[in-house]
């Protein structure tokens, strides 16, 4: 799972492999990229939680420079089931959209989503390499 927030405040999270199916029973962990500096990554977590009041809830921790160090996305079971069925889910929150995408099936991403996902995958590959 990898994600980021666009300059317009829209949050995008891409679930990979079987993460969307595993999400029903476990908390998924991934990488959150800060666009101001993609080398400054945070922990991204997602879970299904029917005890929350909102359809989807996000919690964020930032460091003293404003970089996201931890982002938790929780969703109700109904939203989760819609996401799994459609392989995509968006929620408009007035000041932003929360956009969830499942990358496990070929052809489920729009052209722009593919571009964004490829960029995140590139950053992830650069982040995973040992520094020499």
N, C-alpha and C. Protein backbone atom coordinates (compact mmCIF):
# COMPACT_ATOMS: atom_id res chain seq x y z
N UNK A 1 0.86 -1.16 0.00
CA UNK A 1 0.00 0.00 0.00
C UNK A 1 0.90 1.22 0.00
N UNK A 2 0.61 2.12 -0.89
CA UNK A 2 1.36 3.37 -0.96
C UNK A 2 0.37 4.51 -1.17
N UNK A 3 0.71 5.67 -0.64
CA UNK A 3 -0.21 6.80 -0.76
C UNK A 3 0.49 8.14 -0.64
N UNK A 4 -0.27 9.17 -0.92
CA UNK A 4 0.22 10.54 -0.84
C UNK A 4 -0.98 11.49 -0.86
N UNK A 5 -0.73 12.74 -0.55
CA UNK A 5 -1.74 13.78 -0.62
C UNK A 5 -1.34 14.77 -1.70
N UNK A 6 -2.26 15.04 -2.64
CA UNK A 6 -1.99 15.98 -3.71
C UNK A 6 -1.99 17.41 -3.16
N UNK A 7 -1.43 18.37 -3.92
CA UNK A 7 -1.41 19.76 -3.46
C UNK A 7 -2.82 20.33 -3.18
N UNK A 8 -3.85 19.80 -3.84
CA UNK A 8 -5.21 20.28 -3.59
C UNK A 8 -5.85 19.60 -2.38
N UNK A 9 -5.07 18.80 -1.64
CA UNK A 9 -5.45 18.12 -0.41
C UNK A 9 -6.17 16.78 -0.63
N UNK A 10 -6.31 16.32 -1.88
CA UNK A 10 -6.90 15.01 -2.14
C UNK A 10 -5.93 13.92 -1.72
N UNK A 11 -6.44 12.95 -0.98
CA UNK A 11 -5.63 11.83 -0.50
C UNK A 11 -5.83 10.63 -1.43
N UNK A 12 -4.74 10.07 -1.91
CA UNK A 12 -4.77 8.88 -2.77
C UNK A 12 -4.04 7.74 -2.07
N UNK A 13 -4.70 6.59 -2.02
CA UNK A 13 -4.09 5.38 -1.46
C UNK A 13 -4.28 4.25 -2.46
N UNK A 14 -3.17 3.61 -2.82
CA UNK A 14 -3.17 2.51 -3.77
C UNK A 14 -2.89 1.21 -3.01
N UNK A 15 -3.84 0.28 -3.06
CA UNK A 15 -3.68 -1.04 -2.44
C UNK A 15 -3.11 -1.98 -3.49
N UNK A 16 -2.09 -2.75 -3.09
CA UNK A 16 -1.40 -3.63 -4.02
C UNK A 16 -1.67 -5.09 -3.65
N UNK A 17 -1.40 -5.97 -4.64
CA UNK A 17 -1.50 -7.42 -4.44
C UNK A 17 -2.85 -7.78 -3.80
N UNK A 18 -2.84 -8.47 -2.68
CA UNK A 18 -4.09 -8.90 -2.03
C UNK A 18 -4.44 -8.03 -0.82
N UNK A 19 -3.85 -6.85 -0.73
CA UNK A 19 -4.07 -6.01 0.44
C UNK A 19 -5.53 -5.65 0.65
N UNK A 20 -6.26 -5.38 -0.42
CA UNK A 20 -7.66 -4.98 -0.25
C UNK A 20 -8.49 -6.11 0.37
N UNK A 21 -8.21 -7.34 0.01
CA UNK A 21 -8.93 -8.47 0.60
C UNK A 21 -8.50 -8.71 2.05
N UNK A 22 -7.21 -8.58 2.32
CA UNK A 22 -6.70 -8.77 3.68
C UNK A 22 -7.19 -7.70 4.64
N UNK A 23 -7.54 -6.54 4.10
CA UNK A 23 -7.96 -5.40 4.92
C UNK A 23 -9.18 -5.73 5.78
N UNK A 24 -10.02 -6.63 5.33
CA UNK A 24 -11.22 -7.00 6.10
C UNK A 24 -10.84 -7.55 7.48
N UNK A 25 -9.72 -8.25 7.56
CA UNK A 25 -9.37 -8.96 8.79
C UNK A 25 -8.09 -8.47 9.46
N UNK A 26 -7.36 -7.58 8.82
CA UNK A 26 -6.11 -7.12 9.43
C UNK A 26 -5.82 -5.67 9.05
N UNK A 27 -4.97 -5.06 9.86
CA UNK A 27 -4.51 -3.70 9.56
C UNK A 27 -3.37 -3.81 8.56
N UNK A 28 -3.50 -3.08 7.47
CA UNK A 28 -2.49 -3.09 6.42
C UNK A 28 -1.54 -1.91 6.65
N UNK A 29 -0.25 -2.15 6.43
CA UNK A 29 0.75 -1.10 6.56
C UNK A 29 1.43 -0.85 5.23
N UNK A 30 1.77 0.41 4.99
CA UNK A 30 2.45 0.77 3.77
C UNK A 30 3.26 2.04 3.96
N UNK A 31 3.53 2.71 2.85
CA UNK A 31 4.38 3.90 2.86
C UNK A 31 3.57 5.11 2.41
N UNK A 32 3.70 6.21 3.15
CA UNK A 32 3.11 7.49 2.79
C UNK A 32 4.23 8.40 2.32
N UNK A 33 4.07 8.98 1.12
CA UNK A 33 5.08 9.90 0.58
C UNK A 33 4.64 11.34 0.74
N UNK A 34 5.56 12.18 1.22
CA UNK A 34 5.36 13.62 1.32
C UNK A 34 5.82 14.25 0.02
N UNK A 35 4.93 14.92 -0.70
CA UNK A 35 5.29 15.47 -2.01
C UNK A 35 6.37 16.53 -1.95
N UNK A 36 6.43 17.29 -0.87
CA UNK A 36 7.48 18.32 -0.77
C UNK A 36 8.87 17.70 -0.76
N UNK A 37 8.97 16.47 -0.25
CA UNK A 37 10.24 15.76 -0.21
C UNK A 37 9.95 14.27 -0.14
N UNK A 38 9.91 13.58 -1.30
CA UNK A 38 9.56 12.16 -1.33
C UNK A 38 10.50 11.25 -0.53
N UNK A 39 11.67 11.76 -0.16
CA UNK A 39 12.55 10.93 0.66
C UNK A 39 12.08 10.90 2.11
N UNK A 40 11.19 11.81 2.48
CA UNK A 40 10.64 11.87 3.84
C UNK A 40 9.34 11.07 3.86
N UNK A 41 9.43 9.82 4.20
CA UNK A 41 8.25 8.95 4.16
C UNK A 41 7.67 8.78 5.55
N UNK A 42 6.40 8.42 5.56
CA UNK A 42 5.71 8.12 6.81
C UNK A 42 5.07 6.76 6.73
N UNK A 43 4.63 6.29 7.87
CA UNK A 43 3.92 5.02 7.95
C UNK A 43 2.46 5.26 7.55
N UNK A 44 1.97 4.44 6.65
CA UNK A 44 0.58 4.50 6.20
C UNK A 44 -0.11 3.23 6.69
N UNK A 45 -1.21 3.39 7.38
CA UNK A 45 -1.96 2.23 7.88
C UNK A 45 -3.42 2.36 7.48
N UNK A 46 -4.07 1.21 7.23
CA UNK A 46 -5.49 1.20 6.89
C UNK A 46 -6.15 0.03 7.60
N UNK A 47 -7.40 0.25 8.03
CA UNK A 47 -8.15 -0.81 8.69
C UNK A 47 -9.65 -0.58 8.50
N UNK A 48 -10.41 -1.65 8.71
CA UNK A 48 -11.86 -1.57 8.72
C UNK A 48 -12.29 -1.45 10.17
N UNK A 49 -13.12 -0.45 10.46
CA UNK A 49 -13.54 -0.20 11.84
C UNK A 49 -14.97 0.33 11.82
N UNK A 50 -15.92 -0.51 12.17
CA UNK A 50 -17.33 -0.09 12.17
C UNK A 50 -17.69 0.76 13.39
N UNK A 51 -16.75 1.00 14.28
CA UNK A 51 -17.03 1.81 15.47
C UNK A 51 -16.86 3.30 15.22
N UNK A 52 -16.29 3.67 14.08
CA UNK A 52 -16.11 5.10 13.79
C UNK A 52 -17.46 5.69 13.36
N UNK A 53 -17.62 6.99 13.58
CA UNK A 53 -18.89 7.65 13.24
C UNK A 53 -18.96 8.00 11.76
N UNK A 54 -17.83 8.41 11.20
CA UNK A 54 -17.80 8.80 9.79
C UNK A 54 -17.67 7.58 8.90
N UNK A 55 -17.94 7.78 7.61
CA UNK A 55 -17.78 6.68 6.65
C UNK A 55 -16.32 6.28 6.55
N UNK A 56 -15.46 7.29 6.49
CA UNK A 56 -14.01 7.10 6.47
C UNK A 56 -13.40 8.15 7.39
N UNK A 57 -12.43 7.74 8.18
CA UNK A 57 -11.78 8.66 9.11
C UNK A 57 -10.27 8.58 8.89
N UNK A 58 -9.62 9.72 8.88
CA UNK A 58 -8.16 9.74 8.80
C UNK A 58 -7.60 10.41 10.06
N UNK A 59 -6.48 9.88 10.52
CA UNK A 59 -5.74 10.45 11.63
C UNK A 59 -4.30 10.63 11.15
N UNK A 60 -3.70 11.77 11.50
CA UNK A 60 -2.37 12.10 10.98
C UNK A 60 -1.48 12.61 12.11
N UNK A 61 -0.22 12.21 12.06
CA UNK A 61 0.81 12.79 12.93
C UNK A 61 1.85 13.42 12.02
N UNK A 62 2.29 14.63 12.39
CA UNK A 62 3.30 15.35 11.61
C UNK A 62 4.49 15.68 12.51
N UNK A 63 5.65 15.80 11.87
CA UNK A 63 6.83 16.22 12.63
C UNK A 63 6.86 17.74 12.74
N UNK A 64 7.91 18.27 13.35
CA UNK A 64 8.00 19.71 13.58
C UNK A 64 8.12 20.52 12.29
N UNK A 65 8.49 19.87 11.19
CA UNK A 65 8.59 20.56 9.90
C UNK A 65 7.32 20.41 9.06
N UNK A 66 6.33 19.73 9.60
CA UNK A 66 5.07 19.58 8.89
C UNK A 66 4.96 18.36 8.00
N UNK A 67 5.99 17.51 8.01
CA UNK A 67 5.93 16.29 7.20
C UNK A 67 5.10 15.23 7.93
N UNK A 68 4.28 14.52 7.17
CA UNK A 68 3.47 13.45 7.71
C UNK A 68 4.37 12.27 8.08
N UNK A 69 4.31 11.84 9.34
CA UNK A 69 5.09 10.69 9.79
C UNK A 69 4.23 9.45 9.97
N UNK A 70 2.90 9.66 10.06
CA UNK A 70 1.97 8.55 10.26
C UNK A 70 0.59 8.99 9.79
N UNK A 71 -0.04 8.13 9.00
CA UNK A 71 -1.40 8.39 8.56
C UNK A 71 -2.20 7.09 8.69
N UNK A 72 -3.30 7.18 9.41
CA UNK A 72 -4.20 6.03 9.58
C UNK A 72 -5.51 6.33 8.87
N UNK A 73 -5.92 5.40 8.00
CA UNK A 73 -7.21 5.50 7.34
C UNK A 73 -8.08 4.36 7.87
N UNK A 74 -9.22 4.73 8.43
CA UNK A 74 -10.19 3.75 8.91
C UNK A 74 -11.46 3.91 8.10
N UNK A 75 -12.08 2.79 7.74
CA UNK A 75 -13.34 2.87 6.99
C UNK A 75 -14.34 1.90 7.58
N UNK A 76 -15.59 2.27 7.44
CA UNK A 76 -16.66 1.40 7.90
C UNK A 76 -16.78 0.20 6.95
N UNK A 77 -17.38 -0.87 7.41
CA UNK A 77 -17.50 -2.10 6.64
C UNK A 77 -18.25 -1.87 5.33
N UNK A 78 -19.28 -1.06 5.35
CA UNK A 78 -20.06 -0.80 4.13
C UNK A 78 -19.20 -0.15 3.04
N UNK A 79 -18.40 0.82 3.41
CA UNK A 79 -17.50 1.47 2.45
C UNK A 79 -16.44 0.49 1.96
N UNK A 80 -15.95 -0.32 2.88
CA UNK A 80 -14.96 -1.34 2.50
C UNK A 80 -15.54 -2.28 1.45
N UNK A 81 -16.73 -2.76 1.68
CA UNK A 81 -17.35 -3.69 0.73
C UNK A 81 -17.57 -3.05 -0.64
N UNK A 82 -17.94 -1.78 -0.66
CA UNK A 82 -18.09 -1.05 -1.92
C UNK A 82 -16.74 -0.95 -2.62
N UNK A 83 -15.70 -0.64 -1.87
CA UNK A 83 -14.35 -0.54 -2.42
C UNK A 83 -13.91 -1.87 -3.05
N UNK A 84 -14.11 -2.97 -2.34
CA UNK A 84 -13.69 -4.28 -2.84
C UNK A 84 -14.48 -4.65 -4.10
N UNK A 85 -15.76 -4.34 -4.10
CA UNK A 85 -16.60 -4.67 -5.26
C UNK A 85 -16.20 -3.87 -6.50
N UNK A 86 -15.97 -2.58 -6.32
CA UNK A 86 -15.68 -1.69 -7.46
C UNK A 86 -14.19 -1.56 -7.77
N UNK A 87 -13.33 -1.97 -6.82
CA UNK A 87 -11.87 -1.82 -6.95
C UNK A 87 -11.44 -0.35 -6.90
N UNK A 88 -12.38 0.51 -6.52
CA UNK A 88 -12.13 1.94 -6.45
C UNK A 88 -13.18 2.54 -5.52
N UNK A 89 -12.79 3.59 -4.79
CA UNK A 89 -13.75 4.26 -3.91
C UNK A 89 -13.32 5.70 -3.75
N UNK A 90 -14.28 6.62 -3.79
CA UNK A 90 -13.99 8.04 -3.53
C UNK A 90 -15.03 8.59 -2.58
N UNK A 91 -14.55 9.41 -1.67
CA UNK A 91 -15.41 10.09 -0.73
C UNK A 91 -15.07 11.57 -0.78
N UNK A 92 -16.08 12.40 -1.04
CA UNK A 92 -15.89 13.85 -1.07
C UNK A 92 -16.16 14.39 0.33
N UNK A 93 -15.18 15.12 0.87
CA UNK A 93 -15.30 15.67 2.21
C UNK A 93 -15.32 17.19 2.23
N UNK A 94 -15.82 17.83 1.22
CA UNK A 94 -15.88 19.28 1.20
C UNK A 94 -14.58 19.93 0.80
N UNK A 95 -13.52 19.70 1.56
CA UNK A 95 -12.22 20.30 1.26
C UNK A 95 -11.26 19.34 0.59
N UNK A 96 -11.66 18.09 0.44
CA UNK A 96 -10.78 17.11 -0.19
C UNK A 96 -11.58 15.88 -0.62
N UNK A 97 -10.93 15.06 -1.43
CA UNK A 97 -11.45 13.75 -1.78
C UNK A 97 -10.50 12.71 -1.17
N UNK A 98 -11.08 11.62 -0.71
CA UNK A 98 -10.28 10.46 -0.32
C UNK A 98 -10.49 9.44 -1.42
N UNK A 99 -9.42 9.06 -2.08
CA UNK A 99 -9.49 8.18 -3.25
C UNK A 99 -8.73 6.90 -2.97
N UNK A 100 -9.44 5.79 -2.98
CA UNK A 100 -8.84 4.48 -2.76
C UNK A 100 -8.85 3.73 -4.07
N UNK A 101 -7.72 3.10 -4.40
CA UNK A 101 -7.59 2.36 -5.65
C UNK A 101 -6.97 1.00 -5.38
N UNK A 102 -7.51 -0.02 -6.03
CA UNK A 102 -6.98 -1.38 -5.94
C UNK A 102 -6.21 -1.64 -7.23
N UNK A 103 -4.93 -1.90 -7.12
CA UNK A 103 -4.07 -2.09 -8.30
C UNK A 103 -3.89 -3.55 -8.67
N UNK A 104 -4.55 -4.46 -7.95
CA UNK A 104 -4.28 -5.89 -8.14
C UNK A 104 -4.84 -6.45 -9.45
N UNK A 105 -5.79 -5.79 -10.07
CA UNK A 105 -6.33 -6.26 -11.34
C UNK A 105 -5.93 -5.31 -12.45
N UNK A 106 -5.47 -5.87 -13.54
CA UNK A 106 -5.07 -5.08 -14.71
C UNK A 106 -6.26 -4.30 -15.26
N UNK A 107 -6.04 -3.06 -15.62
CA UNK A 107 -7.08 -2.27 -16.27
C UNK A 107 -8.05 -1.57 -15.34
N UNK A 108 -7.81 -1.60 -14.02
CA UNK A 108 -8.74 -0.95 -13.10
C UNK A 108 -8.39 0.51 -12.82
N UNK A 109 -7.19 0.94 -13.20
CA UNK A 109 -6.77 2.31 -12.95
C UNK A 109 -6.97 3.18 -14.18
N UNK A 110 -7.43 4.40 -13.95
CA UNK A 110 -7.52 5.37 -15.04
C UNK A 110 -6.11 5.77 -15.47
N UNK A 111 -6.02 6.48 -16.57
CA UNK A 111 -4.71 6.92 -17.08
C UNK A 111 -3.98 7.76 -16.03
N UNK A 112 -4.67 8.73 -15.42
CA UNK A 112 -4.03 9.59 -14.42
C UNK A 112 -3.64 8.79 -13.17
N UNK A 113 -4.51 7.87 -12.76
CA UNK A 113 -4.17 7.02 -11.62
C UNK A 113 -2.94 6.17 -11.92
N UNK A 114 -2.83 5.67 -13.13
CA UNK A 114 -1.66 4.89 -13.52
C UNK A 114 -0.39 5.72 -13.41
N UNK A 115 -0.45 6.97 -13.89
CA UNK A 115 0.72 7.86 -13.79
C UNK A 115 1.11 8.09 -12.34
N UNK A 116 0.13 8.40 -11.51
CA UNK A 116 0.40 8.65 -10.09
C UNK A 116 0.96 7.39 -9.41
N UNK A 117 0.37 6.26 -9.71
CA UNK A 117 0.81 4.99 -9.11
C UNK A 117 2.25 4.66 -9.54
N UNK A 118 2.55 4.84 -10.80
CA UNK A 118 3.92 4.56 -11.28
C UNK A 118 4.94 5.47 -10.60
N UNK A 119 4.58 6.74 -10.39
CA UNK A 119 5.49 7.66 -9.70
C UNK A 119 5.74 7.18 -8.27
N UNK A 120 4.68 6.77 -7.58
CA UNK A 120 4.83 6.28 -6.22
C UNK A 120 5.68 5.01 -6.18
N UNK A 121 5.45 4.12 -7.15
CA UNK A 121 6.25 2.88 -7.22
C UNK A 121 7.72 3.21 -7.45
N UNK A 122 8.00 4.21 -8.28
CA UNK A 122 9.38 4.63 -8.53
C UNK A 122 10.00 5.14 -7.22
N UNK A 123 9.29 6.02 -6.52
CA UNK A 123 9.81 6.54 -5.25
C UNK A 123 10.04 5.40 -4.27
N UNK A 124 9.11 4.45 -4.24
CA UNK A 124 9.24 3.31 -3.33
C UNK A 124 10.49 2.51 -3.67
N UNK A 125 10.76 2.30 -4.96
CA UNK A 125 11.96 1.56 -5.35
C UNK A 125 13.23 2.32 -4.96
N UNK A 126 13.19 3.63 -5.05
CA UNK A 126 14.35 4.43 -4.68
C UNK A 126 14.53 4.44 -3.16
N UNK A 127 13.43 4.45 -2.45
CA UNK A 127 13.47 4.46 -0.99
C UNK A 127 14.00 3.15 -0.44
N UNK A 128 13.70 2.05 -1.11
CA UNK A 128 14.08 0.72 -0.63
C UNK A 128 15.56 0.41 -0.85
N UNK A 129 16.19 1.13 -1.75
CA UNK A 129 17.59 0.84 -2.06
C UNK A 129 18.49 1.33 -0.92
N UNK A 130 19.50 0.53 -0.58
CA UNK A 130 20.43 0.99 0.46
C UNK A 130 21.22 2.21 -0.02
N UNK A 131 21.45 3.12 0.89
CA UNK A 131 22.22 4.34 0.57
C UNK A 131 23.70 4.00 0.62
N UNK A 132 24.42 4.41 -0.45
CA UNK A 132 25.87 4.14 -0.48
C UNK A 132 26.65 5.42 -0.53
